[in-house]
Amino acid sequence: MLERTLRKDRTEVTFVLPADCPPGPVSVVGDFNGWVPGVHTLERRTDGKRAVTLTLPSERVHSFRYLAAGDYWFNDESAGDREGPNSRLHT
């Protein structure tokens, strides 16, 4: 699930996943971090879900995927848009 907060010239995007599905550490990987795993790892929130918030430029399109333990790549179905194997996020 994606949560968005619009600011003047940027968008704060929170990437949210259930507590343990998939199990183990998960990071969001995309063109905004050079596709480097582990840079933006989701952390547990008080509601039990895991999340990480990034500040991205507004009015752009970003490609991303999640990477979980065991080299398990998966998409965010709530993104609503795909390009090839990647989810796409419109800010």
N, C-alpha and C. Protein backbone atom coordinates (compact mmCIF):
# COMPACT_ATOMS: atom_id res chain seq x y z
N MET A 1 0.84 -1.17 0.00
CA MET A 1 0.00 0.00 0.00
C MET A 1 0.90 1.24 0.00
N LEU A 2 0.47 2.26 -0.70
CA LEU A 2 1.21 3.52 -0.77
C LEU A 2 0.40 4.62 -0.10
N GLU A 3 1.07 5.37 0.78
CA GLU A 3 0.45 6.54 1.39
C GLU A 3 1.20 7.75 0.87
N ARG A 4 0.46 8.79 0.44
CA ARG A 4 1.11 9.97 -0.14
C ARG A 4 0.71 11.23 0.62
N THR A 5 1.69 12.11 0.82
CA THR A 5 1.45 13.44 1.37
C THR A 5 2.08 14.44 0.42
N LEU A 6 1.25 15.29 -0.18
CA LEU A 6 1.76 16.26 -1.14
C LEU A 6 2.30 17.49 -0.41
N ARG A 7 3.46 17.93 -0.82
CA ARG A 7 4.08 19.15 -0.30
C ARG A 7 4.24 20.12 -1.49
N LYS A 8 4.82 21.26 -1.27
CA LYS A 8 4.94 22.28 -2.31
C LYS A 8 5.63 21.76 -3.58
N ASP A 9 6.81 21.21 -3.45
CA ASP A 9 7.56 20.76 -4.63
C ASP A 9 8.03 19.31 -4.51
N ARG A 10 7.40 18.58 -3.61
CA ARG A 10 7.80 17.19 -3.41
C ARG A 10 6.60 16.39 -2.89
N THR A 11 6.76 15.09 -2.90
CA THR A 11 5.73 14.20 -2.39
C THR A 11 6.39 13.23 -1.42
N GLU A 12 5.82 13.14 -0.22
CA GLU A 12 6.29 12.14 0.74
C GLU A 12 5.48 10.87 0.49
N VAL A 13 6.18 9.81 0.18
CA VAL A 13 5.53 8.54 -0.12
C VAL A 13 5.93 7.53 0.94
N THR A 14 4.94 6.90 1.57
CA THR A 14 5.20 5.86 2.55
C THR A 14 4.80 4.53 1.92
N PHE A 15 5.76 3.64 1.84
CA PHE A 15 5.57 2.29 1.33
C PHE A 15 5.22 1.42 2.53
N VAL A 16 4.06 0.75 2.49
CA VAL A 16 3.55 0.02 3.65
C VAL A 16 3.25 -1.43 3.26
N LEU A 17 3.70 -2.35 4.12
CA LEU A 17 3.42 -3.78 3.93
C LEU A 17 2.91 -4.37 5.24
N PRO A 18 2.18 -5.50 5.17
CA PRO A 18 1.75 -6.18 6.39
C PRO A 18 2.96 -6.58 7.24
N ALA A 19 2.70 -6.89 8.49
CA ALA A 19 3.77 -7.19 9.46
C ALA A 19 4.73 -8.28 9.00
N ASP A 20 4.22 -9.42 8.57
CA ASP A 20 5.10 -10.55 8.27
C ASP A 20 4.82 -11.21 6.94
N CYS A 21 4.33 -10.49 5.99
CA CYS A 21 4.02 -11.06 4.68
C CYS A 21 4.63 -10.19 3.59
N PRO A 22 5.75 -10.57 3.06
CA PRO A 22 6.50 -11.79 3.31
C PRO A 22 7.35 -11.66 4.58
N PRO A 23 7.76 -12.80 5.12
CA PRO A 23 8.57 -12.78 6.34
C PRO A 23 9.98 -12.24 6.08
N GLY A 24 10.60 -11.75 7.14
CA GLY A 24 11.98 -11.28 7.06
C GLY A 24 12.06 -9.85 6.58
N PRO A 25 13.30 -9.36 6.45
CA PRO A 25 13.49 -7.98 6.03
C PRO A 25 13.05 -7.74 4.59
N VAL A 26 12.52 -6.53 4.35
CA VAL A 26 12.08 -6.12 3.01
C VAL A 26 12.56 -4.69 2.78
N SER A 27 13.06 -4.43 1.58
CA SER A 27 13.42 -3.06 1.22
C SER A 27 12.71 -2.68 -0.07
N VAL A 28 12.49 -1.37 -0.22
CA VAL A 28 11.93 -0.86 -1.47
C VAL A 28 13.12 -0.42 -2.32
N VAL A 29 13.11 -0.86 -3.57
CA VAL A 29 14.24 -0.64 -4.46
C VAL A 29 13.69 -0.04 -5.75
N GLY A 30 14.31 1.05 -6.21
CA GLY A 30 13.79 1.67 -7.42
C GLY A 30 14.75 2.66 -8.04
N ASP A 31 14.25 3.35 -9.06
CA ASP A 31 15.11 4.32 -9.74
C ASP A 31 15.50 5.48 -8.83
N PHE A 32 14.74 5.71 -7.76
CA PHE A 32 15.03 6.79 -6.82
C PHE A 32 16.20 6.48 -5.88
N ASN A 33 16.64 5.22 -5.82
CA ASN A 33 17.82 4.87 -5.01
C ASN A 33 18.83 4.05 -5.80
N GLY A 34 18.80 4.21 -7.12
CA GLY A 34 19.77 3.52 -7.97
C GLY A 34 19.61 2.01 -7.99
N TRP A 35 18.43 1.52 -7.62
CA TRP A 35 18.14 0.09 -7.58
C TRP A 35 19.08 -0.66 -6.63
N VAL A 36 19.49 0.00 -5.56
CA VAL A 36 20.41 -0.60 -4.59
C VAL A 36 19.58 -1.19 -3.43
N PRO A 37 19.59 -2.51 -3.25
CA PRO A 37 18.85 -3.13 -2.15
C PRO A 37 19.39 -2.71 -0.79
N GLY A 38 18.49 -2.64 0.19
CA GLY A 38 18.89 -2.38 1.56
C GLY A 38 19.02 -0.91 1.92
N VAL A 39 18.93 -0.01 0.94
CA VAL A 39 19.04 1.43 1.23
C VAL A 39 17.80 1.92 1.97
N HIS A 40 16.62 1.44 1.58
CA HIS A 40 15.37 1.86 2.20
C HIS A 40 14.62 0.62 2.71
N THR A 41 15.00 0.17 3.90
CA THR A 41 14.40 -1.01 4.51
C THR A 41 13.15 -0.61 5.30
N LEU A 42 12.10 -1.38 5.15
CA LEU A 42 10.86 -1.11 5.87
C LEU A 42 11.04 -1.50 7.34
N GLU A 43 10.56 -0.62 8.23
CA GLU A 43 10.65 -0.83 9.68
C GLU A 43 9.25 -0.98 10.25
N ARG A 44 9.16 -1.68 11.37
CA ARG A 44 7.86 -1.91 12.01
C ARG A 44 7.30 -0.61 12.59
N ARG A 45 6.00 -0.35 12.33
CA ARG A 45 5.30 0.80 12.88
C ARG A 45 4.53 0.37 14.13
N THR A 46 3.97 1.34 14.83
CA THR A 46 3.19 1.02 16.04
C THR A 46 1.94 0.22 15.72
N ASP A 47 1.42 0.32 14.49
CA ASP A 47 0.23 -0.46 14.12
C ASP A 47 0.59 -1.88 13.69
N GLY A 48 1.89 -2.23 13.77
CA GLY A 48 2.34 -3.57 13.43
C GLY A 48 2.78 -3.74 11.99
N LYS A 49 2.34 -2.86 11.11
CA LYS A 49 2.76 -2.94 9.71
C LYS A 49 4.19 -2.46 9.58
N ARG A 50 4.80 -2.75 8.43
CA ARG A 50 6.16 -2.27 8.14
C ARG A 50 6.08 -1.16 7.11
N ALA A 51 6.96 -0.15 7.28
CA ALA A 51 6.88 1.00 6.37
C ALA A 51 8.21 1.73 6.29
N VAL A 52 8.37 2.49 5.21
CA VAL A 52 9.47 3.43 5.05
C VAL A 52 8.92 4.60 4.25
N THR A 53 9.32 5.82 4.64
CA THR A 53 8.86 7.03 3.96
C THR A 53 10.01 7.67 3.20
N LEU A 54 9.75 8.00 1.94
CA LEU A 54 10.73 8.68 1.10
C LEU A 54 10.15 9.99 0.61
N THR A 55 11.00 10.98 0.44
CA THR A 55 10.60 12.25 -0.14
C THR A 55 11.09 12.26 -1.59
N LEU A 56 10.14 12.37 -2.51
CA LEU A 56 10.44 12.29 -3.94
C LEU A 56 9.98 13.56 -4.64
N PRO A 57 10.62 13.91 -5.76
CA PRO A 57 10.17 15.08 -6.53
C PRO A 57 8.74 14.88 -7.02
N SER A 58 7.96 15.95 -7.00
CA SER A 58 6.58 15.89 -7.49
C SER A 58 6.55 15.86 -9.01
N GLU A 59 5.41 15.41 -9.52
CA GLU A 59 5.13 15.37 -10.95
C GLU A 59 6.15 14.53 -11.73
N ARG A 60 6.49 13.40 -11.15
CA ARG A 60 7.41 12.45 -11.81
C ARG A 60 6.80 11.05 -11.74
N VAL A 61 7.38 10.16 -12.51
CA VAL A 61 7.00 8.75 -12.47
C VAL A 61 8.23 7.97 -12.06
N HIS A 62 8.08 7.11 -11.05
CA HIS A 62 9.19 6.32 -10.54
C HIS A 62 8.86 4.84 -10.66
N SER A 63 9.84 4.04 -11.06
CA SER A 63 9.71 2.59 -11.11
C SER A 63 10.32 2.01 -9.84
N PHE A 64 9.66 0.97 -9.29
CA PHE A 64 10.17 0.36 -8.07
C PHE A 64 9.64 -1.07 -7.91
N ARG A 65 10.28 -1.80 -7.02
CA ARG A 65 9.84 -3.13 -6.60
C ARG A 65 10.26 -3.30 -5.15
N TYR A 66 9.76 -4.34 -4.53
CA TYR A 66 10.20 -4.70 -3.18
C TYR A 66 11.13 -5.90 -3.29
N LEU A 67 12.10 -5.96 -2.39
CA LEU A 67 13.01 -7.10 -2.31
C LEU A 67 12.98 -7.65 -0.90
N ALA A 68 12.59 -8.91 -0.78
CA ALA A 68 12.51 -9.59 0.52
C ALA A 68 13.64 -10.61 0.64
N ALA A 69 13.73 -11.19 1.82
CA ALA A 69 14.74 -12.21 2.08
C ALA A 69 14.64 -13.33 1.05
N GLY A 70 15.76 -13.95 0.75
CA GLY A 70 15.79 -15.04 -0.22
C GLY A 70 15.72 -14.58 -1.65
N ASP A 71 16.08 -13.32 -1.91
CA ASP A 71 16.08 -12.75 -3.25
C ASP A 71 14.68 -12.81 -3.89
N TYR A 72 13.64 -12.57 -3.06
CA TYR A 72 12.25 -12.59 -3.51
C TYR A 72 11.83 -11.17 -3.89
N TRP A 73 11.67 -10.92 -5.19
CA TRP A 73 11.24 -9.62 -5.72
C TRP A 73 9.73 -9.66 -5.92
N PHE A 74 9.04 -8.57 -5.55
CA PHE A 74 7.60 -8.51 -5.79
C PHE A 74 7.16 -7.06 -5.97
N ASN A 75 5.96 -6.89 -6.51
CA ASN A 75 5.43 -5.57 -6.83
C ASN A 75 4.40 -5.13 -5.81
N ASP A 76 4.05 -3.86 -5.87
CA ASP A 76 3.01 -3.28 -5.04
C ASP A 76 1.78 -3.13 -5.92
N GLU A 77 0.79 -3.98 -5.70
CA GLU A 77 -0.41 -3.95 -6.54
C GLU A 77 -1.21 -2.66 -6.35
N SER A 78 -1.02 -1.96 -5.23
CA SER A 78 -1.75 -0.72 -5.00
C SER A 78 -1.19 0.44 -5.82
N ALA A 79 -0.02 0.25 -6.44
CA ALA A 79 0.58 1.32 -7.25
C ALA A 79 -0.30 1.64 -8.45
N GLY A 80 -1.04 0.65 -8.93
CA GLY A 80 -1.99 0.89 -10.00
C GLY A 80 -1.40 0.99 -11.40
N ASP A 81 -0.11 0.93 -11.52
CA ASP A 81 0.51 1.06 -12.83
C ASP A 81 1.75 0.17 -12.85
N ARG A 82 2.05 -0.39 -14.00
CA ARG A 82 3.22 -1.25 -14.16
C ARG A 82 3.92 -0.89 -15.44
N GLU A 83 5.23 -1.16 -15.44
CA GLU A 83 6.03 -1.04 -16.65
C GLU A 83 6.97 -2.23 -16.65
N GLY A 84 6.73 -3.18 -17.53
CA GLY A 84 7.52 -4.40 -17.51
C GLY A 84 7.33 -5.09 -16.16
N PRO A 85 8.42 -5.50 -15.52
CA PRO A 85 8.30 -6.20 -14.24
C PRO A 85 8.14 -5.26 -13.05
N ASN A 86 8.15 -3.96 -13.25
CA ASN A 86 8.17 -3.00 -12.15
C ASN A 86 6.84 -2.32 -11.90
N SER A 87 6.60 -1.99 -10.62
CA SER A 87 5.49 -1.10 -10.27
C SER A 87 5.91 0.32 -10.61
N ARG A 88 4.92 1.17 -10.91
CA ARG A 88 5.23 2.57 -11.19
C ARG A 88 4.44 3.45 -10.24
N LEU A 89 5.10 4.49 -9.76
CA LEU A 89 4.53 5.43 -8.81
C LEU A 89 4.51 6.81 -9.44
N HIS A 90 3.33 7.44 -9.45
CA HIS A 90 3.20 8.80 -9.97
C HIS A 90 3.14 9.75 -8.78
N THR A 91 4.07 10.71 -8.73
CA THR A 91 4.07 11.65 -7.61
C THR A 91 3.48 12.98 -8.04
